[in-house]
Structure formats: C-alpha cells, structure tokens
Amino acid sequence: MTSSSPADGSHGGPDGGARGRGDERLPRPAAFAFSAQTWKEIAHLLVNLPVGIACFVFTLIWLAVGLGLSITVVGLPLLAVGLGCSRFLGRFERWRARGLLAVRIDEPSPLPYAPGSGVLSRLWTRLRDPVGWRAALYALVRLPWSVITFAITLTSLFVAWPVLPWIARGLTHVDRAMVRGLLYPSDELERRIAELESDRGTVVDTAAADLRRIERDLHDGAQARLVALAMGLGLAKEKLEEDPEAAAR
C-alpha cells in the first residue's frame, strides 16, 4: 500500500510550512494620508484659540487702562508700552504664519526716532506707531475668528475627516488674508525706510570705493607729473649753456 506524497510541499518537509508563510506579502506600513502642509494648517487652526485668547485679553487690558488714564500723565506711557508689546506679538504672529502657513511676511522697519530726541519726542513717535496699532487691531478681531475655526476644525477631525484638508485650506486662506492685511508693512513710509536702510550699506561701500579710487588717481597722477617735470628741468639745465634755444623750448 503506497502513501500519497503532498503536491505543494506545505506538509512534506519540516520547513515547508515556513516557506509557505514566507511567500505571503505583508501590507504596506500604515501612514497618514494628509500632507505635512495640511497638518501644519490644522495645527495653526487649533492653536489659534489659546493664542487668540491670550493676545485678546492682554490687548484689551492695556487699551482699557491706557485710554482710561490718558487724561493723566500715566496713561500715555502705558499706551506706549502696550504698543511696543503689540509689535512683539505681531512679530510672533508673523513667525507663526511663516512656519505653519508658508506665508512670507517681511518685518516692519524700526521706529524712526530722531537723533538726539528727548523723552517726549520718543513717546509721541511710539504713540503714532502704525505697526503697533495694526497689531492691536489684529489681536482684537482675530479672537472671534479663532473660536469659529477651532470649533470647525475640531469637529471635522471626527465627523468630516475625508474633506478636512479642503476645510483647513479654506479657513487658513482667511488667516493668510488677515496676516497680510494687518501685520504686513503696507505703509509707504515704512517701505521707503526699509528700502533706504537696505541701500545705505551699498551706497556707503560705493562711496568709499570711489573715494579710494580718486585718492589713488590723484596720488599716482601728480607723482608722475612731478617726476616728468623734474626730468624736463634737469635736461633744460644741462642744455642751458650749450644750446640756450633748446633749453628754452
């Protein structure tokens, strides 16, 4: 009586089962379907609420206290300090927009303090700072939008996952428009000052190079002329006794 041999080798040898299992292909590793930029936009929308609350409360406090005491001497310095802090908050928001929203925002120019200006002049310059006032307005109007975007994004994470990238892109477009409109150095004077500051180094270097070239030309040209004049006088002196006419020429 003959025994039948296995046809596929899965039970015919000690390692047949192992070979059978080794032929199976494992699925690809699990990965997130969203791109890195989409995750950055989602993070921006979720962080908007705590950042917006902090900026709103701080701005509201210094505005209320500063404007309430503006009839006294104490209120104006408080407003100046608050505007300086608003500039710092605007810089932080521009940095966050560059990192999470891929929006390139130039930094505004520093305050144009006059050389040798006094305390009152510097205080008045700070109070007229358009960058600080726009940053304060941004902190006030951004809070309601932050509440809306936080609620929509958090809800979409659970109930609208497939369309979340499009929702995040649409919401962050509004954030980009707000950053460009309120935190961008849009004032013509600011742009002019920034251009002058960037060109000042080039102008100084060019003027220094021209001055060195003029000094070199004056030194080399005058020296060559003096040498030629001395040689001519020496030749004339030698011919003065032998040939007075040639010496005169």
Protein backbone atom coordinates (compact mmCIF):
# COMPACT_ATOMS: atom_id res chain seq x y z
CA MET A 1 0.00 0.00 0.00
CA THR A 2 1.64 3.24 -1.18
CA SER A 3 1.31 6.61 0.57
CA SER A 4 0.50 9.68 -1.49
CA SER A 5 3.09 12.48 -1.49
CA PRO A 6 1.97 16.04 -0.88
CA ALA A 7 1.56 18.11 -4.04
CA ASP A 8 2.54 21.57 -2.82
CA GLY A 9 5.20 20.73 -0.25
CA SER A 10 3.39 22.54 2.52
CA HIS A 11 3.30 19.40 4.63
CA GLY A 12 6.06 17.30 3.07
CA GLY A 13 9.05 18.74 4.90
CA PRO A 14 9.99 20.32 8.15
CA ASP A 15 10.30 23.78 6.59
CA GLY A 16 7.56 23.56 4.02
CA GLY A 17 5.12 25.48 6.18
CA ALA A 18 7.70 28.19 6.79
CA ARG A 19 8.28 28.60 3.06
CA GLY A 20 4.54 28.82 2.53
CA ARG A 21 4.23 31.53 5.12
CA GLY A 22 7.29 33.37 3.78
CA ASP A 23 5.72 33.68 0.34
CA GLU A 24 2.95 35.87 1.77
CA ARG A 25 3.41 39.61 1.22
CA LEU A 26 2.76 41.91 4.14
CA PRO A 27 0.72 45.08 3.52
CA ARG A 28 2.49 48.43 3.31
CA PRO A 29 3.08 50.21 6.64
CA ALA A 30 0.26 52.43 7.75
CA ALA A 31 0.80 56.13 7.02
CA PHE A 32 -1.09 59.37 7.38
CA ALA A 33 -2.95 60.38 4.25
CA PHE A 34 -2.53 64.13 4.82
CA SER A 35 0.49 66.06 3.64
CA ALA A 36 2.83 67.86 6.00
CA GLN A 37 1.43 71.24 4.99
CA THR A 38 -2.11 70.08 5.80
CA TRP A 39 -1.03 69.03 9.29
CA LYS A 40 0.65 72.42 9.77
CA GLU A 41 -2.56 74.21 8.77
CA ILE A 42 -4.60 72.04 11.15
CA ALA A 43 -2.14 72.80 13.96
CA HIS A 44 -2.37 76.51 13.17
CA LEU A 45 -6.17 76.46 13.37
CA LEU A 46 -6.17 74.56 16.68
CA VAL A 47 -3.51 76.76 18.29
CA ASN A 48 -5.34 79.91 17.16
CA LEU A 49 -7.77 79.73 20.07
CA PRO A 50 -5.35 79.74 23.07
CA VAL A 51 -3.05 82.24 21.35
CA GLY A 52 -6.01 84.40 20.36
CA ILE A 53 -7.43 84.42 23.90
CA ALA A 54 -4.08 85.43 25.42
CA CYS A 55 -3.48 88.22 22.88
CA PHE A 56 -7.07 89.48 23.14
CA VAL A 57 -7.04 89.67 26.96
CA PHE A 58 -3.64 91.39 27.05
CA THR A 59 -4.59 93.92 24.36
CA LEU A 60 -7.94 94.67 25.94
CA ILE A 61 -6.34 95.29 29.34
CA TRP A 62 -3.65 97.72 28.19
CA LEU A 63 -6.05 99.51 25.89
CA ALA A 64 -8.70 99.95 28.59
CA VAL A 65 -6.23 101.05 31.26
CA GLY A 66 -4.18 103.25 28.92
CA LEU A 67 -7.17 105.01 27.34
CA GLY A 68 -8.88 105.37 30.70
CA LEU A 69 -5.80 107.08 32.16
CA SER A 70 -4.92 109.02 29.02
CA ILE A 71 -6.22 112.22 30.59
CA THR A 72 -3.39 111.92 33.09
CA VAL A 73 0.34 111.68 32.55
CA VAL A 74 0.38 107.98 33.44
CA GLY A 75 -1.93 106.83 30.64
CA LEU A 76 0.24 107.84 27.69
CA PRO A 77 3.33 105.86 28.79
CA LEU A 78 1.08 102.84 29.38
CA LEU A 79 -0.25 103.14 25.83
CA ALA A 80 3.31 103.42 24.51
CA VAL A 81 4.38 100.28 26.41
CA GLY A 82 1.30 98.42 25.16
CA LEU A 83 2.04 99.38 21.55
CA GLY A 84 5.60 98.14 21.97
CA CYS A 85 4.30 94.81 23.26
CA SER A 86 1.85 94.68 20.36
CA ARG A 87 4.79 94.99 18.00
CA PHE A 88 6.33 91.96 19.70
CA LEU A 89 3.07 89.99 19.41
CA GLY A 90 2.84 90.93 15.73
CA ARG A 91 6.36 89.60 15.21
CA PHE A 92 5.36 86.33 16.88
CA GLU A 93 2.30 86.01 14.64
CA ARG A 94 4.38 86.67 11.52
CA TRP A 95 6.83 83.98 12.65
CA ARG A 96 3.94 81.54 13.21
CA ALA A 97 2.47 82.35 9.80
CA ARG A 98 5.81 81.75 8.10
CA GLY A 99 6.25 78.39 9.82
CA LEU A 100 2.71 76.99 9.58
CA LEU A 101 1.02 78.83 6.71
CA ALA A 102 4.02 79.21 4.35
CA VAL A 103 3.41 82.98 4.14
CA ARG A 104 6.48 85.16 3.77
CA ILE A 105 5.90 88.30 5.83
CA ASP A 106 8.57 90.98 5.92
CA GLU A 107 9.34 92.59 9.24
CA PRO A 108 8.33 96.26 9.54
CA SER A 109 11.01 98.88 9.91
CA PRO A 110 12.01 100.08 13.40
CA LEU A 111 10.53 103.25 14.77
CA PRO A 112 12.17 106.33 13.17
CA TYR A 113 13.47 108.05 16.29
CA ALA A 114 15.14 111.36 15.52
CA PRO A 115 18.82 111.59 16.55
CA GLY A 116 19.12 113.21 19.95
CA SER A 117 15.37 113.25 20.50
CA GLY A 118 14.05 113.65 24.02
CA VAL A 119 11.65 111.55 26.06
CA LEU A 120 8.54 113.37 24.88
CA SER A 121 9.55 113.08 21.23
CA ARG A 122 10.16 109.36 21.59
CA LEU A 123 6.85 108.93 23.41
CA TRP A 124 4.98 110.73 20.63
CA THR A 125 6.71 108.61 17.99
CA ARG A 126 5.70 105.45 19.85
CA LEU A 127 2.08 106.60 20.17
CA ARG A 128 1.90 107.26 16.41
CA ASP A 129 3.29 103.80 15.57
CA PRO A 130 1.01 102.33 12.85
CA VAL A 131 2.56 98.88 13.19
CA GLY A 132 1.65 98.63 16.87
CA TRP A 133 -1.92 99.85 16.31
CA ARG A 134 -2.48 97.39 13.44
CA ALA A 135 -1.13 94.53 15.59
CA ALA A 136 -3.53 95.54 18.40
CA LEU A 137 -6.43 95.56 15.94
CA TYR A 138 -5.35 92.12 14.70
CA ALA A 139 -5.42 90.76 18.26
CA LEU A 140 -8.94 92.11 18.82
CA VAL A 141 -10.59 90.94 15.59
CA ARG A 142 -8.85 87.57 15.46
CA LEU A 143 -10.45 86.12 18.62
CA PRO A 144 -13.98 85.59 17.20
CA TRP A 145 -12.49 84.02 14.10
CA SER A 146 -10.27 81.78 16.26
CA VAL A 147 -13.31 80.46 18.13
CA ILE A 148 -15.06 79.64 14.85
CA THR A 149 -12.05 77.96 13.25
CA PHE A 150 -11.26 75.95 16.39
CA ALA A 151 -14.81 74.58 16.57
CA ILE A 152 -14.95 73.73 12.85
CA THR A 153 -11.52 72.09 12.81
CA LEU A 154 -12.04 70.06 15.97
CA THR A 155 -15.44 68.84 14.75
CA SER A 156 -14.07 67.99 11.31
CA LEU A 157 -11.35 65.85 12.88
CA PHE A 158 -14.09 63.40 13.96
CA VAL A 159 -17.01 63.78 11.56
CA ALA A 160 -15.53 65.20 8.33
CA TRP A 161 -12.11 63.58 8.13
CA PRO A 162 -12.08 62.95 4.34
CA VAL A 163 -12.72 66.61 3.49
CA LEU A 164 -10.64 68.10 6.32
CA PRO A 165 -7.72 69.15 4.04
CA TRP A 166 -10.06 71.32 1.95
CA ILE A 167 -11.71 72.76 5.05
CA ALA A 168 -8.34 73.59 6.60
CA ARG A 169 -7.09 75.18 3.38
CA GLY A 170 -10.17 77.40 3.10
CA LEU A 171 -10.02 78.52 6.73
CA THR A 172 -6.30 79.26 6.63
CA HIS A 173 -6.77 81.36 3.49
CA VAL A 174 -8.75 83.75 5.68
CA ASP A 175 -5.91 83.72 8.22
CA ARG A 176 -3.42 84.49 5.48
CA ALA A 177 -5.53 87.44 4.32
CA MET A 178 -5.73 88.79 7.88
CA VAL A 179 -1.98 88.49 8.38
CA ARG A 180 -1.22 90.19 5.08
CA GLY A 181 -3.73 92.96 5.71
CA LEU A 182 -2.89 93.83 9.34
CA LEU A 183 0.64 92.56 10.01
CA TYR A 184 2.32 93.35 6.69
CA PRO A 185 4.41 96.55 6.37
CA SER A 186 1.94 98.12 3.96
CA ASP A 187 2.63 101.74 4.79
CA GLU A 188 4.51 103.57 2.05
CA LEU A 189 6.74 105.33 4.57
CA GLU A 190 7.68 102.01 6.18
CA ARG A 191 8.58 100.53 2.81
CA ARG A 192 10.61 103.62 1.94
CA ILE A 193 12.51 103.46 5.23
CA ALA A 194 13.21 99.75 4.73
CA GLU A 195 14.49 100.40 1.21
CA LEU A 196 16.74 103.22 2.41
CA GLU A 197 18.14 101.07 5.20
CA SER A 198 18.87 98.21 2.80
CA ASP A 199 20.51 100.55 0.27
CA ARG A 200 22.52 102.51 2.80
CA GLY A 201 25.23 99.88 3.10
CA THR A 202 25.60 99.67 -0.68
CA VAL A 203 25.81 103.45 -1.02
CA VAL A 204 28.44 103.71 1.72
CA ASP A 205 30.57 100.98 0.16
CA THR A 206 30.32 102.54 -3.30
CA ALA A 207 31.24 105.99 -1.98
CA ALA A 208 34.25 104.57 -0.12
CA ALA A 209 35.45 102.76 -3.24
CA ASP A 210 35.09 105.93 -5.33
CA LEU A 211 36.98 107.94 -2.73
CA ARG A 212 39.84 105.43 -2.69
CA ARG A 213 39.98 105.48 -6.49
CA ILE A 214 40.11 109.30 -6.59
CA GLU A 215 42.86 109.37 -3.97
CA ARG A 216 44.84 106.79 -5.91
CA ASP A 217 44.43 108.67 -9.18
CA LEU A 218 45.45 111.97 -7.59
CA HIS A 219 48.47 110.44 -5.91
CA ASP A 220 49.68 108.48 -8.92
CA GLY A 221 48.95 111.22 -11.49
CA ALA A 222 50.55 114.05 -9.51
CA GLN A 223 53.62 111.97 -8.73
CA ALA A 224 54.12 111.05 -12.40
CA ARG A 225 53.76 114.69 -13.45
CA LEU A 226 56.26 115.84 -10.83
CA VAL A 227 58.82 113.25 -11.99
CA ALA A 228 58.36 114.30 -15.62
CA LEU A 229 58.71 117.97 -14.65
CA ALA A 230 61.92 117.27 -12.70
CA MET A 231 63.42 115.38 -15.66
CA GLY A 232 62.49 118.18 -18.02
CA LEU A 233 64.07 120.78 -15.76
CA GLY A 234 67.21 118.66 -15.47
CA LEU A 235 67.55 118.38 -19.26
CA ALA A 236 66.94 122.10 -19.67
CA LYS A 237 69.61 122.86 -17.08
CA GLU A 238 72.17 120.70 -18.92
CA LYS A 239 71.48 122.38 -22.26
CA LEU A 240 71.27 125.88 -20.89
CA GLU A 241 74.95 126.60 -21.56
CA GLU A 242 75.34 124.53 -24.74
CA ASP A 243 72.08 125.29 -26.53
CA PRO A 244 70.04 128.06 -24.92
CA GLU A 245 67.32 127.87 -27.58
CA ALA A 246 66.70 124.13 -26.97
CA ALA A 247 66.78 124.77 -23.23
CA ALA A 248 64.15 127.46 -23.65
CA ARG A 249 61.95 125.11 -25.63
